[in-house]
Amino acid sequence: MDSDGLTARDVIESIVNAQTVTKVVRSRSFSRRCAGEKLYAIKSFSFDGTLIDTKGAIAREAQDEILYVFISAKVATNEC
């Protein structure tokens, strides 16, 4: 988030505004917590129009479900 200049609010807006999950795949990595774990991809905009890619997995910890996410965005910058 820091390297893309995103705030936690930008990410929350993007996830809340998402119309659909764009892709669901099963993990093939042996280092994942659970073999065949579902990984979700969402592409959505924050309120200021920044397109944010969010990828994540839902894990179960005791009786709770926890969403783990990876966030990236392409933000145009003017560097001279």
Protein backbone atom coordinates (compact mmCIF):
# COMPACT_ATOMS: atom_id res chain seq x y z
CA MET A 1 0.00 0.00 0.00
CA ASP A 2 2.81 2.40 0.89
CA SER A 3 4.64 1.99 -2.41
CA ASP A 4 1.41 2.61 -4.36
CA GLY A 5 0.38 5.58 -2.19
CA LEU A 6 -2.80 3.85 -1.01
CA THR A 7 -4.49 4.37 2.31
CA ALA A 8 -6.46 1.77 4.27
CA ARG A 9 -9.57 3.79 3.36
CA ASP A 10 -8.81 3.42 -0.39
CA VAL A 11 -8.58 -0.35 0.00
CA ILE A 12 -11.77 -0.61 2.07
CA GLU A 13 -13.64 1.54 -0.47
CA SER A 14 -12.46 -0.70 -3.30
CA ILE A 15 -13.52 -3.92 -1.56
CA VAL A 16 -16.89 -2.49 -0.46
CA ASN A 17 -17.59 -1.08 -3.96
CA ALA A 18 -16.66 -4.30 -5.76
CA GLN A 19 -19.45 -5.65 -7.95
CA THR A 20 -18.06 -9.17 -8.22
CA VAL A 21 -15.12 -11.44 -7.56
CA THR A 22 -13.27 -11.49 -10.90
CA LYS A 23 -11.49 -14.80 -10.39
CA VAL A 24 -11.39 -17.73 -7.99
CA VAL A 25 -8.55 -20.24 -8.18
CA ARG A 26 -7.34 -23.08 -6.03
CA SER A 27 -3.84 -22.71 -4.65
CA ARG A 28 -1.30 -25.21 -5.92
CA SER A 29 1.42 -24.06 -3.55
CA PHE A 30 2.58 -26.54 -0.94
CA SER A 31 3.50 -23.67 1.38
CA ARG A 32 -0.15 -22.56 1.75
CA ARG A 33 -1.91 -23.22 5.03
CA CYS A 34 -4.43 -25.55 3.44
CA ALA A 35 -3.95 -27.57 0.24
CA GLY A 36 -6.31 -26.38 -2.49
CA GLU A 37 -7.16 -23.20 -0.60
CA LYS A 38 -9.40 -20.83 -2.61
CA LEU A 39 -7.79 -17.55 -3.64
CA TYR A 40 -10.02 -14.65 -4.70
CA ALA A 41 -9.26 -11.73 -7.05
CA ILE A 42 -11.25 -8.47 -7.06
CA LYS A 43 -10.73 -5.45 -9.31
CA SER A 44 -12.61 -2.37 -8.21
CA PHE A 45 -12.30 1.40 -7.84
CA SER A 46 -11.87 3.55 -4.76
CA PHE A 47 -14.08 6.64 -4.46
CA ASP A 48 -11.40 8.78 -6.16
CA GLY A 49 -11.30 6.44 -9.19
CA THR A 50 -8.11 4.50 -8.46
CA LEU A 51 -8.31 0.95 -9.82
CA ILE A 52 -7.16 -1.42 -7.08
CA ASP A 53 -6.43 -5.14 -7.51
CA THR A 54 -7.12 -7.10 -4.34
CA LYS A 55 -6.18 -10.73 -4.00
CA GLY A 56 -6.96 -12.71 -0.89
CA ALA A 57 -7.90 -15.86 0.92
CA ILE A 58 -10.33 -16.58 3.71
CA ALA A 59 -8.84 -18.59 6.54
CA ARG A 60 -10.50 -20.12 9.56
CA GLU A 61 -8.91 -19.43 12.96
CA ALA A 62 -10.75 -21.32 15.69
CA GLN A 63 -14.36 -20.12 15.22
CA ASP A 64 -13.52 -16.96 13.24
CA GLU A 65 -13.06 -16.36 9.52
CA ILE A 66 -10.20 -14.01 8.65
CA LEU A 67 -9.64 -12.39 5.24
CA TYR A 68 -6.00 -12.10 4.20
CA VAL A 69 -5.38 -9.71 1.30
CA PHE A 70 -2.66 -8.58 -1.07
CA ILE A 71 -3.26 -5.14 -2.58
CA SER A 72 -1.79 -3.48 -5.65
CA ALA A 73 -2.68 -0.51 -7.83
CA LYS A 74 -1.37 1.29 -10.86
CA VAL A 75 -1.32 4.98 -10.07
CA ALA A 76 -0.06 7.46 -12.67
CA THR A 77 2.62 9.78 -11.36
CA ASN A 78 4.38 12.74 -12.96
CA GLU A 79 8.09 12.44 -12.32
CA CYS A 80 10.51 14.91 -13.94
